[in-house]
Amino acid sequence: MTTPADRTAPGPGIPEAVHRRRWAILGVLMLSLLIVVLDNSILNVAIKTISTPAPTGLGATQSELEWAINAYTLVFAGLLFTSGLIGDRVGRKKVLLGGLVVFGIGSALAAESGSPGQLIAYRALMAVGAAFVMPATLAVLMNVFERDEQPKAIGIWAGGVGLAIAIGPITGGLLLDHFWWGSVFLINVPIVVAAVALMIWLVPDSRDPRPGRLDPIGVVLSVVGLVLLVYGIIKGGELADFTDPTVLATIIAGVVVLAAFIVFEKRSDHPSLDVTYFKNKVFSAAMAAIALVFFALMGVTFFSVFYTQSVRGYSPLESGLLMIPLAAAQMIFAPRARLVVDRFGYKATTTAGLVLLAGMLAAFAGFEADTPIWVLEVVFFLMGTGMAHIMTPTSVVIMQALPREKAGSASALSNTFRQVGGALGIAVLGSVLSTAYRNSIEGKLGMLPADLRGTAGESIEATLGVAEKLGPRGQALVDPANSAFLHAMHVTSLGGTVVALAGAVVVALFLPGRTPRRPENQEEPELVAAAD
């Protein structure tokens, strides 16, 4: 019989010194994870300010704002597998430290960006660092906790994401109320310094004695393919014409490169993405659900900031506070979602979560400029509730659908699909928003000089910016801009609803009703751990 003392004693592969400080190590790992996730949630609040013309912001267009987000997401997703392989080869602590330093440097440079182009470039640099941080934190966690304590530790680790979602918008709003827009990036630097110091002191190094080979060709193909595909989609929205030859050529090129990536990975003896995983229908369905959920959610989150700030007139801080119900619901229900799964099963729980999310996305189609704000708060809370009952079950299914020794690959794939789904959601739904807005507002811009019409039609912020420059004469543009944006938001929210419902169909067809049986003949991966 196993006693509590037995369960808390270190295993044969974990040194006693590491075991004693495991919870302190988890705290350092959460701090590292916090800044990576916090950065994106802060940026969501700052995008309106960044889109404002200088000196308040950078005057970024809708397309440039999307790229400020997508550059980070795509680089992060593209490097996940390579960063994991490097961590296995040279040591996860070294990779964590290097990733944090690069992230901190990128943050400092982003804070001093003089143009949208510079901001996009420095965001990509930050993503390089983040790609080496997030996978390594979980790998270190798995190496310092015994199996009985791993679920609890992973739950706390995952709770850091909900915490970052909650405090990110508030922090961003406070900074923007008192400092310039670059402060939302500069805040990362002191946190990075503290995390690096604590990591050097507390965190042990670990590595896999049999690491896989690097796959540079596969990584390059995946990044190039995704960049071409998303750039084509964004450009189509910017031009309001997806039949433009340049747009079509770019999208087709992206699809071709991604197809080449899949073929190469299938034939490679050291693939960064083992495509045979997707022969498992349960695994594929869970991955598709994650991608579709973040596709819908990120696209809607992108336009909700403009709704609360541009149409409703809330400050960045107030806009951040309005997002609290979304994060609070995830923090409340995510740890308890397993109880719902135990009673109703994976299929019912996840399908219900997706249907609830789709309903809340559809609710945005009924929002007007004077909709009571408590209605938005209820919608955000229910969206978070739906997310909690989607992400927790699908994550468990993904980790249990593959042999235990493949847990690292399963985790990396889940992260990648989430990031890529979010990036494509912002690109596709952002393009829908831009196109619908342009088509709705262009008939109201006849009062403007010809050279200003194109600029004013790009986004609601561009229209309001031109209106402000024109003074009293420009006030006639404000109501048409709000009406055009609301129409575009309604169209875009319905697009997100369709995507969420597609996810519900996928999981209803392929996810198991109860706990999927773990493959037999699993072995614990042999790890090498060294105490500092």
Protein backbone atom coordinates (compact mmCIF):
# COMPACT_ATOMS: atom_id res chain seq x y z
CA MET A 1 0.00 0.00 0.00
CA THR A 2 1.30 3.45 -0.95
CA THR A 3 1.51 5.92 1.91
CA PRO A 4 1.50 9.72 1.65
CA ALA A 5 5.19 9.68 2.54
CA ASP A 6 5.87 7.36 -0.38
CA ARG A 7 4.04 9.64 -2.77
CA THR A 8 6.08 12.68 -1.78
CA ALA A 9 9.44 10.92 -1.75
CA PRO A 10 11.67 11.57 -4.75
CA GLY A 11 11.85 8.88 -7.43
CA PRO A 12 15.06 7.22 -8.51
CA GLY A 13 15.63 9.77 -11.32
CA ILE A 14 15.05 12.91 -9.23
CA PRO A 15 17.82 14.08 -6.87
CA GLU A 16 16.72 14.85 -3.31
CA ALA A 17 17.89 18.48 -3.60
CA VAL A 18 15.67 19.00 -6.66
CA HIS A 19 12.71 17.26 -5.04
CA ARG A 20 12.84 19.51 -1.96
CA ARG A 21 12.58 22.71 -4.00
CA ARG A 22 10.14 21.44 -6.65
CA TRP A 23 7.36 23.90 -5.72
CA ALA A 24 9.76 26.84 -5.80
CA ILE A 25 10.91 25.62 -9.21
CA LEU A 26 7.28 25.53 -10.36
CA GLY A 27 6.92 29.15 -9.25
CA VAL A 28 9.88 30.17 -11.42
CA LEU A 29 8.47 28.24 -14.38
CA MET A 30 5.11 29.98 -13.95
CA LEU A 31 6.84 33.37 -13.86
CA SER A 32 8.54 32.52 -17.15
CA LEU A 33 5.25 31.35 -18.66
CA LEU A 34 3.44 34.41 -17.32
CA ILE A 35 5.41 36.97 -19.32
CA VAL A 36 5.05 35.01 -22.56
CA VAL A 37 1.24 34.80 -22.27
CA LEU A 38 0.88 38.21 -20.60
CA ASP A 39 2.45 39.95 -23.59
CA ASN A 40 -0.29 38.88 -26.00
CA SER A 41 -3.14 39.74 -23.63
CA ILE A 42 -1.60 43.17 -22.98
CA LEU A 43 -1.23 43.80 -26.71
CA ASN A 44 -4.93 43.14 -27.31
CA VAL A 45 -5.72 46.18 -25.14
CA ALA A 46 -3.02 48.33 -26.75
CA ILE A 47 -3.91 47.76 -30.42
CA LYS A 48 -6.29 50.74 -30.57
CA THR A 49 -3.63 53.05 -29.10
CA ILE A 50 -0.97 51.70 -31.48
CA SER A 51 -3.32 52.32 -34.42
CA THR A 52 -3.68 56.00 -33.40
CA PRO A 53 -1.45 58.37 -35.42
CA ALA A 54 1.80 59.65 -33.88
CA PRO A 55 2.71 60.90 -31.36
CA THR A 56 0.08 58.94 -29.38
CA GLY A 57 0.64 55.74 -31.33
CA LEU A 58 2.28 54.50 -34.53
CA GLY A 59 -0.63 55.00 -36.90
CA ALA A 60 -0.70 51.27 -37.69
CA THR A 61 -3.22 50.10 -40.28
CA GLN A 62 -5.59 47.16 -39.74
CA SER A 63 -3.22 44.92 -41.71
CA GLU A 64 -0.17 46.09 -39.73
CA LEU A 65 -2.00 45.46 -36.45
CA GLU A 66 -2.80 41.94 -37.57
CA TRP A 67 0.82 41.38 -38.50
CA ALA A 68 2.00 42.70 -35.13
CA ILE A 69 0.04 39.79 -33.64
CA ASN A 70 0.57 37.23 -36.40
CA ALA A 71 4.34 37.76 -36.68
CA TYR A 72 4.64 36.69 -33.05
CA THR A 73 2.23 33.77 -33.39
CA LEU A 74 3.62 32.34 -36.61
CA VAL A 75 7.28 32.49 -35.57
CA PHE A 76 6.36 30.99 -32.20
CA ALA A 77 4.43 28.11 -33.76
CA GLY A 78 7.04 27.46 -36.41
CA LEU A 79 9.90 27.12 -33.91
CA LEU A 80 8.14 25.03 -31.25
CA PHE A 81 9.41 21.67 -32.45
CA THR A 82 12.94 22.85 -33.10
CA SER A 83 13.17 24.50 -29.69
CA GLY A 84 12.05 21.25 -28.07
CA LEU A 85 14.69 19.26 -29.92
CA ILE A 86 17.41 21.76 -28.99
CA GLY A 87 16.32 21.62 -25.35
CA ASP A 88 16.54 17.84 -25.40
CA ARG A 89 20.01 18.04 -26.91
CA VAL A 90 21.75 20.85 -24.99
CA GLY A 91 19.66 21.04 -21.80
CA ARG A 92 16.29 22.61 -21.04
CA LYS A 93 17.60 25.10 -18.48
CA LYS A 94 20.04 26.52 -21.02
CA VAL A 95 17.24 26.84 -23.57
CA LEU A 96 14.97 28.53 -21.01
CA LEU A 97 17.63 31.06 -20.07
CA GLY A 98 18.47 31.81 -23.69
CA GLY A 99 14.80 32.17 -24.61
CA LEU A 100 14.13 34.57 -21.74
CA VAL A 101 17.12 36.76 -22.67
CA VAL A 102 16.03 36.97 -26.32
CA PHE A 103 12.45 37.72 -25.24
CA GLY A 104 13.67 40.50 -22.95
CA ILE A 105 15.83 42.08 -25.66
CA GLY A 106 12.96 41.92 -28.15
CA SER A 107 10.63 43.54 -25.62
CA ALA A 108 13.01 46.44 -25.00
CA LEU A 109 13.40 47.02 -28.76
CA ALA A 110 9.64 46.76 -29.38
CA ALA A 111 9.04 49.45 -26.74
CA GLU A 112 11.19 51.88 -28.73
CA SER A 113 9.75 51.04 -32.17
CA GLY A 114 9.54 54.06 -34.45
CA SER A 115 7.23 52.52 -37.05
CA PRO A 116 4.75 49.65 -37.45
CA GLY A 117 7.37 47.77 -39.49
CA GLN A 118 9.87 47.91 -36.65
CA LEU A 119 7.22 46.77 -34.16
CA ILE A 120 6.39 43.76 -36.35
CA ALA A 121 10.08 42.83 -36.64
CA TYR A 122 10.73 43.11 -32.91
CA ARG A 123 7.56 41.15 -32.12
CA ALA A 124 8.96 38.36 -34.31
CA LEU A 125 12.19 38.50 -32.28
CA MET A 126 10.18 38.23 -29.07
CA ALA A 127 8.48 35.16 -30.54
CA VAL A 128 11.85 33.49 -31.10
CA GLY A 129 12.51 33.79 -27.37
CA ALA A 130 8.99 32.72 -26.41
CA ALA A 131 9.24 29.60 -28.58
CA PHE A 132 12.18 28.44 -26.48
CA VAL A 133 10.46 29.27 -23.18
CA MET A 134 6.99 27.71 -23.24
CA PRO A 135 7.80 24.08 -24.24
CA ALA A 136 10.83 23.98 -21.95
CA THR A 137 8.81 25.02 -18.88
CA LEU A 138 6.58 21.96 -19.18
CA ALA A 139 9.55 19.69 -19.93
CA VAL A 140 11.33 20.87 -16.76
CA LEU A 141 8.13 20.45 -14.74
CA MET A 142 7.78 16.83 -15.87
CA ASN A 143 11.35 16.21 -14.79
CA VAL A 144 11.14 17.58 -11.23
CA PHE A 145 7.75 16.16 -10.17
CA GLU A 146 6.86 12.54 -9.56
CA ARG A 147 4.03 11.09 -11.65
CA ASP A 148 1.50 11.25 -8.78
CA GLU A 149 2.11 14.98 -8.36
CA GLN A 150 2.34 15.84 -12.05
CA PRO A 151 -1.42 16.39 -12.62
CA LYS A 152 -1.56 18.87 -9.73
CA ALA A 153 1.58 20.64 -10.92
CA ILE A 154 0.36 20.82 -14.51
CA GLY A 155 -2.98 22.20 -13.29
CA ILE A 156 -1.19 25.00 -11.43
CA TRP A 157 1.08 25.58 -14.44
CA ALA A 158 -1.94 25.85 -16.74
CA GLY A 159 -3.61 28.19 -14.25
CA GLY A 160 -0.83 30.64 -15.02
CA VAL A 161 -2.35 31.10 -18.46
CA GLY A 162 -5.73 32.07 -16.98
CA LEU A 163 -3.98 34.41 -14.54
CA ALA A 164 -2.12 36.12 -17.40
CA ILE A 165 -5.35 36.48 -19.39
CA ALA A 166 -6.94 38.16 -16.35
CA ILE A 167 -4.15 40.55 -15.35
CA GLY A 168 -2.82 41.28 -18.85
CA PRO A 169 -5.59 43.64 -20.01
CA ILE A 170 -5.71 45.38 -16.61
CA THR A 171 -1.95 45.86 -16.57
CA GLY A 172 -2.02 47.11 -20.14
CA GLY A 173 -4.83 49.53 -19.36
CA LEU A 174 -3.03 50.92 -16.30
CA LEU A 175 0.19 51.40 -18.26
CA LEU A 176 -1.58 53.10 -21.18
CA ASP A 177 -3.43 55.43 -18.80
CA HIS A 178 -0.16 56.67 -17.28
CA PHE A 179 2.60 56.00 -19.83
CA TRP A 180 3.20 55.79 -23.57
CA TRP A 181 2.20 52.73 -25.61
CA GLY A 182 5.72 51.22 -25.51
CA SER A 183 5.40 50.64 -21.76
CA VAL A 184 3.29 47.52 -22.47
CA PHE A 185 6.46 45.91 -23.84
CA LEU A 186 9.01 47.51 -21.52
CA ILE A 187 7.24 46.00 -18.48
CA ASN A 188 8.56 42.61 -19.61
CA VAL A 189 12.20 43.55 -19.03
CA PRO A 190 12.31 43.65 -15.18
CA ILE A 191 10.22 40.44 -15.06
CA VAL A 192 12.72 38.73 -17.37
CA VAL A 193 15.63 39.86 -15.17
CA ALA A 194 13.95 38.44 -12.06
CA ALA A 195 13.06 35.17 -13.81
CA VAL A 196 16.61 34.67 -15.12
CA ALA A 197 18.13 35.27 -11.68
CA LEU A 198 15.73 32.85 -9.97
CA MET A 199 16.20 30.25 -12.68
CA ILE A 200 20.00 30.29 -12.36
CA TRP A 201 19.58 29.81 -8.61
CA LEU A 202 16.79 27.23 -8.41
CA VAL A 203 16.07 25.35 -11.63
CA PRO A 204 17.99 22.14 -12.44
CA ASP A 205 19.10 21.26 -15.94
CA SER A 206 17.77 18.18 -17.71
CA ARG A 207 18.11 16.57 -21.10
CA ASP A 208 17.12 13.51 -23.07
CA PRO A 209 20.04 11.09 -23.54
CA ARG A 210 18.60 10.08 -26.93
CA PRO A 211 17.47 13.35 -28.54
CA GLY A 212 16.12 13.42 -32.06
CA ARG A 213 17.93 15.15 -34.89
CA LEU A 214 17.03 18.68 -35.87
CA ASP A 215 14.79 19.23 -38.88
CA PRO A 216 15.73 22.64 -40.32
CA ILE A 217 14.16 22.00 -43.74
CA GLY A 218 10.82 21.07 -42.19
CA VAL A 219 10.85 24.14 -39.94
CA VAL A 220 11.65 26.48 -42.84
CA LEU A 221 8.92 24.95 -45.00
CA SER A 222 6.30 25.27 -42.25
CA VAL A 223 7.15 28.90 -41.43
CA VAL A 224 7.34 29.99 -45.09
CA GLY A 225 4.08 28.22 -45.94
CA LEU A 226 2.17 29.76 -43.05
CA VAL A 227 3.55 33.25 -43.66
CA LEU A 228 2.62 33.13 -47.36
CA LEU A 229 -0.87 31.82 -46.63
CA VAL A 230 -1.70 34.34 -43.89
CA TYR A 231 -0.10 37.24 -45.78
CA GLY A 232 -2.28 36.46 -48.77
CA ILE A 233 -5.41 36.42 -46.61
CA ILE A 234 -4.51 39.70 -44.90
CA LYS A 235 -3.66 41.35 -48.23
CA GLY A 236 -6.99 40.21 -49.63
CA GLY A 237 -8.80 41.90 -46.77
CA GLU A 238 -6.70 45.04 -47.10
CA LEU A 239 -7.51 45.31 -50.82
CA ALA A 240 -11.10 44.11 -50.30
CA ASP A 241 -10.43 41.80 -53.24
CA PHE A 242 -9.50 38.15 -52.79
CA THR A 243 -9.41 37.67 -56.58
CA ASP A 244 -6.43 40.02 -56.96
CA PRO A 245 -3.64 38.10 -58.80
CA THR A 246 -1.06 38.89 -56.10
CA VAL A 247 -3.41 37.70 -53.35
CA LEU A 248 -4.30 34.49 -55.18
CA ALA A 249 -0.67 33.75 -56.06
CA THR A 250 0.44 34.24 -52.46
CA ILE A 251 -2.30 32.05 -51.01
CA ILE A 252 -1.69 29.29 -53.57
CA ALA A 253 2.06 29.45 -52.93
CA GLY A 254 1.42 29.07 -49.20
CA VAL A 255 -0.78 26.02 -49.74
CA VAL A 256 1.82 24.44 -52.05
CA VAL A 257 4.67 25.00 -49.55
CA LEU A 258 2.60 23.55 -46.69
CA ALA A 259 1.78 20.53 -48.85
CA ALA A 260 5.50 20.11 -49.54
CA PHE A 261 6.11 20.33 -45.78
CA ILE A 262 3.68 17.47 -45.13
CA VAL A 263 5.24 15.31 -47.85
CA PHE A 264 8.75 16.02 -46.57
CA GLU A 265 7.83 15.26 -42.97
CA LYS A 266 6.16 12.01 -44.01
CA ARG A 267 9.31 10.82 -45.80
CA SER A 268 11.84 12.15 -43.26
CA ASP A 269 13.44 9.79 -40.74
CA HIS A 270 13.70 12.68 -38.22
CA PRO A 271 10.56 14.80 -38.77
CA SER A 272 9.77 17.78 -36.59
CA LEU A 273 6.11 16.83 -37.10
CA ASP A 274 5.33 13.12 -37.13
CA VAL A 275 2.31 13.11 -39.46
CA THR A 276 1.48 9.50 -38.55
CA TYR A 277 0.02 10.84 -35.28
CA PHE A 278 -2.94 12.08 -37.29
CA LYS A 279 -3.96 8.57 -38.31
CA ASN A 280 -5.54 8.47 -34.85
CA LYS A 281 -9.00 10.00 -35.44
CA VAL A 282 -9.47 10.94 -31.79
CA PHE A 283 -6.15 12.78 -31.74
CA SER A 284 -6.94 14.57 -35.03
CA ALA A 285 -10.41 15.58 -33.87
CA ALA A 286 -9.07 17.06 -30.62
CA MET A 287 -6.40 18.98 -32.54
CA ALA A 288 -8.99 20.28 -35.01
CA ALA A 289 -11.21 21.40 -32.13
CA ILE A 290 -8.37 23.37 -30.54
CA ALA A 291 -7.48 25.06 -33.84
CA LEU A 292 -11.11 25.93 -34.66
CA VAL A 293 -11.82 27.24 -31.17
CA PHE A 294 -8.88 29.65 -31.24
CA PHE A 295 -9.64 30.54 -34.86
CA ALA A 296 -13.08 31.76 -33.80
CA LEU A 297 -12.07 33.20 -30.42
CA MET A 298 -9.00 35.21 -31.51
CA GLY A 299 -10.82 36.72 -34.47
CA VAL A 300 -13.69 37.88 -32.27
CA THR A 301 -11.37 39.13 -29.49
CA PHE A 302 -9.56 41.22 -32.12
CA PHE A 303 -12.69 43.19 -33.07
CA SER A 304 -14.15 43.34 -29.54
CA VAL A 305 -11.39 45.77 -28.52
CA PHE A 306 -12.46 48.20 -31.24
CA TYR A 307 -16.10 47.76 -30.24
CA THR A 308 -15.46 48.66 -26.60
CA GLN A 309 -12.94 51.44 -27.23
CA SER A 310 -13.86 53.00 -30.59
CA VAL A 311 -17.65 52.56 -30.64
CA ARG A 312 -18.43 52.52 -26.91
CA GLY A 313 -15.73 55.01 -25.89
CA TYR A 314 -14.12 53.04 -23.04
CA SER A 315 -10.50 53.70 -22.09
CA PRO A 316 -7.83 50.98 -22.49
CA LEU A 317 -8.00 50.26 -18.74
CA GLU A 318 -11.80 50.03 -18.77
CA SER A 319 -11.61 47.81 -21.86
CA GLY A 320 -9.20 45.53 -20.00
CA LEU A 321 -11.48 45.35 -16.99
CA LEU A 322 -14.35 44.33 -19.25
CA MET A 323 -12.37 41.20 -20.23
CA ILE A 324 -12.18 39.93 -16.62
CA PRO A 325 -15.34 37.76 -16.83
CA LEU A 326 -13.82 35.83 -19.77
CA ALA A 327 -10.65 35.01 -17.81
CA ALA A 328 -12.48 34.49 -14.50
CA ALA A 329 -14.76 31.87 -16.03
CA GLN A 330 -11.78 29.95 -17.39
CA MET A 331 -10.00 30.07 -14.01
CA ILE A 332 -13.17 28.91 -12.19
CA PHE A 333 -14.33 26.14 -14.51
CA ALA A 334 -11.15 24.75 -16.11
CA PRO A 335 -10.03 22.86 -12.95
CA ARG A 336 -13.58 21.52 -12.54
CA ALA A 337 -14.20 20.49 -16.14
CA ARG A 338 -12.90 16.99 -15.37
CA LEU A 339 -15.92 16.48 -13.05
CA VAL A 340 -18.27 17.21 -15.94
CA VAL A 341 -16.28 14.83 -18.14
CA ASP A 342 -16.52 12.09 -15.48
CA ARG A 343 -20.31 12.39 -15.51
CA PHE A 344 -21.12 13.09 -19.17
CA GLY A 345 -18.00 12.04 -21.12
CA TYR A 346 -15.60 13.85 -23.46
CA LYS A 347 -17.90 13.99 -26.47
CA ALA A 348 -20.88 15.56 -24.67
CA THR A 349 -18.80 17.99 -22.60
CA THR A 350 -16.71 19.32 -25.48
CA THR A 351 -19.60 19.49 -27.93
CA ALA A 352 -21.69 21.44 -25.40
CA GLY A 353 -18.76 23.80 -24.81
CA LEU A 354 -18.42 24.50 -28.52
CA VAL A 355 -22.16 25.04 -28.97
CA LEU A 356 -22.12 27.48 -26.02
CA LEU A 357 -19.13 29.30 -27.52
CA ALA A 358 -20.86 29.48 -30.92
CA GLY A 359 -23.97 30.94 -29.27
CA MET A 360 -21.94 33.65 -27.56
CA LEU A 361 -20.13 34.52 -30.79
CA ALA A 362 -23.51 34.81 -32.51
CA ALA A 363 -24.64 37.18 -29.73
CA PHE A 364 -22.19 39.79 -31.05
CA ALA A 365 -24.33 39.97 -34.20
CA GLY A 366 -27.03 41.61 -32.09
CA PHE A 367 -24.80 44.16 -30.37
CA GLU A 368 -25.39 47.85 -31.09
CA ALA A 369 -23.76 51.05 -29.86
CA ASP A 370 -26.21 51.29 -26.95
CA THR A 371 -26.41 47.62 -25.90
CA PRO A 372 -26.26 47.45 -22.06
CA ILE A 373 -22.68 46.70 -21.06
CA TRP A 374 -23.78 43.99 -18.60
CA VAL A 375 -24.94 41.97 -21.62
CA LEU A 376 -21.37 42.03 -22.97
CA GLU A 377 -20.08 40.93 -19.56
CA VAL A 378 -22.48 37.97 -19.47
CA VAL A 379 -21.43 36.99 -23.00
CA PHE A 380 -17.75 37.14 -22.05
CA PHE A 381 -18.36 35.01 -18.94
CA LEU A 382 -20.24 32.36 -20.90
CA MET A 383 -17.54 32.39 -23.58
CA GLY A 384 -14.96 31.64 -20.89
CA THR A 385 -17.19 28.89 -19.50
CA GLY A 386 -17.42 27.29 -22.93
CA MET A 387 -13.66 27.56 -23.43
CA ALA A 388 -12.96 25.86 -20.09
CA HIS A 389 -15.11 22.89 -21.09
CA ILE A 390 -13.36 22.64 -24.46
CA MET A 391 -9.68 23.11 -23.66
CA THR A 392 -9.39 20.87 -20.61
CA PRO A 393 -11.08 17.77 -22.15
CA THR A 394 -9.34 18.11 -25.52
CA SER A 395 -5.94 18.52 -23.82
CA VAL A 396 -6.52 15.31 -21.83
CA VAL A 397 -7.62 13.46 -24.97
CA ILE A 398 -4.51 14.60 -26.86
CA MET A 399 -2.14 13.53 -24.10
CA GLN A 400 -3.87 10.15 -23.67
CA ALA A 401 -4.32 9.35 -27.36
CA LEU A 402 -0.56 8.79 -27.85
CA PRO A 403 1.90 6.62 -25.91
CA ARG A 404 3.34 8.25 -22.80
CA GLU A 405 6.80 8.56 -24.35
CA LYS A 406 5.23 10.81 -27.00
CA ALA A 407 3.78 13.23 -24.44
CA GLY A 408 6.27 15.96 -25.34
CA SER A 409 5.37 15.77 -29.02
CA ALA A 410 1.66 15.78 -28.20
CA SER A 411 2.07 18.90 -26.05
CA ALA A 412 4.08 20.70 -28.74
CA LEU A 413 1.49 19.85 -31.40
CA SER A 414 -1.33 21.12 -29.20
CA ASN A 415 0.50 24.42 -28.69
CA THR A 416 1.17 24.74 -32.40
CA PHE A 417 -2.42 24.13 -33.46
CA ARG A 418 -3.65 26.62 -30.88
CA GLN A 419 -1.24 29.31 -32.06
CA VAL A 420 -1.76 28.71 -35.77
CA GLY A 421 -5.54 28.52 -35.35
CA GLY A 422 -5.45 31.86 -33.53
CA ALA A 423 -3.23 33.44 -36.18
CA LEU A 424 -5.46 32.28 -39.02
CA GLY A 425 -8.54 33.43 -37.09
CA ILE A 426 -7.14 36.94 -36.79
CA ALA A 427 -6.12 36.90 -40.45
CA VAL A 428 -9.33 35.47 -41.91
CA LEU A 429 -11.89 37.12 -39.61
CA GLY A 430 -9.80 40.31 -39.54
CA SER A 431 -9.94 40.35 -43.33
CA VAL A 432 -13.70 39.77 -43.26
CA LEU A 433 -14.03 42.67 -40.80
CA SER A 434 -11.85 44.94 -42.98
CA THR A 435 -13.66 44.05 -46.19
CA ALA A 436 -17.14 44.46 -44.70
CA TYR A 437 -16.18 47.78 -43.12
CA ARG A 438 -14.67 49.13 -46.33
CA ASN A 439 -17.70 48.12 -48.40
CA SER A 440 -20.04 49.72 -45.88
CA ILE A 441 -18.19 53.01 -45.34
CA GLU A 442 -16.92 53.85 -48.84
CA GLY A 443 -20.27 55.31 -49.93
CA LYS A 444 -20.12 57.77 -47.00
CA LEU A 445 -16.67 59.17 -47.81
CA GLY A 446 -17.68 61.34 -50.77
CA MET A 447 -17.13 64.50 -48.72
CA LEU A 448 -13.41 63.72 -48.44
CA PRO A 449 -10.66 64.61 -50.90
CA ALA A 450 -9.80 61.72 -53.21
CA ASP A 451 -6.38 61.20 -51.61
CA LEU A 452 -7.94 60.65 -48.17
CA ARG A 453 -10.74 58.26 -49.14
CA GLY A 454 -8.55 55.17 -49.40
CA THR A 455 -6.89 55.81 -46.04
CA ALA A 456 -10.14 56.63 -44.26
CA GLY A 457 -11.78 53.43 -45.50
CA GLU A 458 -9.19 51.02 -44.06
CA SER A 459 -10.64 50.76 -40.53
CA ILE A 460 -12.82 52.58 -38.04
CA GLU A 461 -9.73 54.04 -36.38
CA ALA A 462 -8.54 55.38 -39.74
CA THR A 463 -11.93 56.98 -40.39
CA LEU A 464 -12.09 58.53 -36.92
CA GLY A 465 -8.50 59.74 -37.28
CA VAL A 466 -9.33 61.56 -40.51
CA ALA A 467 -12.51 62.94 -38.92
CA GLU A 468 -10.50 64.34 -36.01
CA LYS A 469 -8.04 66.08 -38.35
CA LEU A 470 -10.93 67.71 -40.22
CA GLY A 471 -12.30 69.23 -37.00
CA PRO A 472 -16.02 70.08 -36.78
CA ARG A 473 -16.50 69.23 -40.48
CA GLY A 474 -15.28 65.68 -39.79
CA GLN A 475 -17.89 64.98 -37.11
CA ALA A 476 -20.29 63.98 -39.86
CA LEU A 477 -18.16 60.84 -40.34
CA VAL A 478 -18.41 59.55 -36.77
CA ASP A 479 -21.92 58.05 -36.88
CA PRO A 480 -21.42 56.44 -40.33
CA ALA A 481 -18.10 54.97 -39.10
CA ASN A 482 -19.77 53.46 -36.03
CA SER A 483 -22.63 52.07 -38.11
CA ALA A 484 -20.22 50.59 -40.68
CA PHE A 485 -18.13 48.97 -37.96
CA LEU A 486 -21.17 47.47 -36.24
CA HIS A 487 -22.28 45.98 -39.56
CA ALA A 488 -18.79 44.56 -40.13
CA MET A 489 -18.72 43.17 -36.58
CA HIS A 490 -22.07 41.46 -37.09
CA VAL A 491 -20.85 39.78 -40.29
CA THR A 492 -17.56 38.73 -38.70
CA SER A 493 -19.20 37.31 -35.56
CA LEU A 494 -21.44 35.12 -37.69
CA GLY A 495 -18.34 33.85 -39.49
CA GLY A 496 -16.81 32.91 -36.13
CA THR A 497 -20.07 31.21 -35.16
CA VAL A 498 -19.94 28.99 -38.25
CA VAL A 499 -16.35 27.97 -37.42
CA ALA A 500 -17.24 27.10 -33.80
CA LEU A 501 -20.21 25.02 -34.98
CA ALA A 502 -17.91 23.19 -37.40
CA GLY A 503 -15.73 22.31 -34.42
CA ALA A 504 -18.79 21.01 -32.56
CA VAL A 505 -19.60 18.70 -35.46
CA VAL A 506 -16.02 17.38 -35.56
CA VAL A 507 -15.86 16.51 -31.86
CA ALA A 508 -19.40 15.09 -31.85
CA LEU A 509 -18.39 12.69 -34.61
CA PHE A 510 -14.92 11.64 -33.47
CA LEU A 511 -14.23 12.29 -29.79
CA PRO A 512 -14.76 9.31 -27.43
CA GLY A 513 -17.66 9.28 -25.00
CA ARG A 514 -15.47 8.24 -22.07
CA THR A 515 -11.78 8.17 -21.25
CA PRO A 516 -9.83 6.94 -24.29
CA ARG A 517 -7.82 3.82 -23.62
CA ARG A 518 -4.11 4.49 -23.42
CA PRO A 519 -2.00 2.42 -25.85
CA GLU A 520 -0.35 -0.61 -24.34
CA ASN A 521 3.36 -1.23 -23.85
CA GLN A 522 4.15 2.30 -22.76
CA GLU A 523 7.47 3.03 -21.18
CA GLU A 524 8.64 6.03 -19.25
CA PRO A 525 11.14 8.03 -21.29
CA GLU A 526 14.61 7.83 -19.82
CA LEU A 527 15.70 11.23 -18.61
CA VAL A 528 18.94 12.60 -17.32
CA ALA A 529 18.57 15.11 -14.49
CA ALA A 530 21.29 17.07 -12.80
CA ALA A 531 20.84 19.03 -9.59
CA ASP A 532 22.52 22.37 -9.41
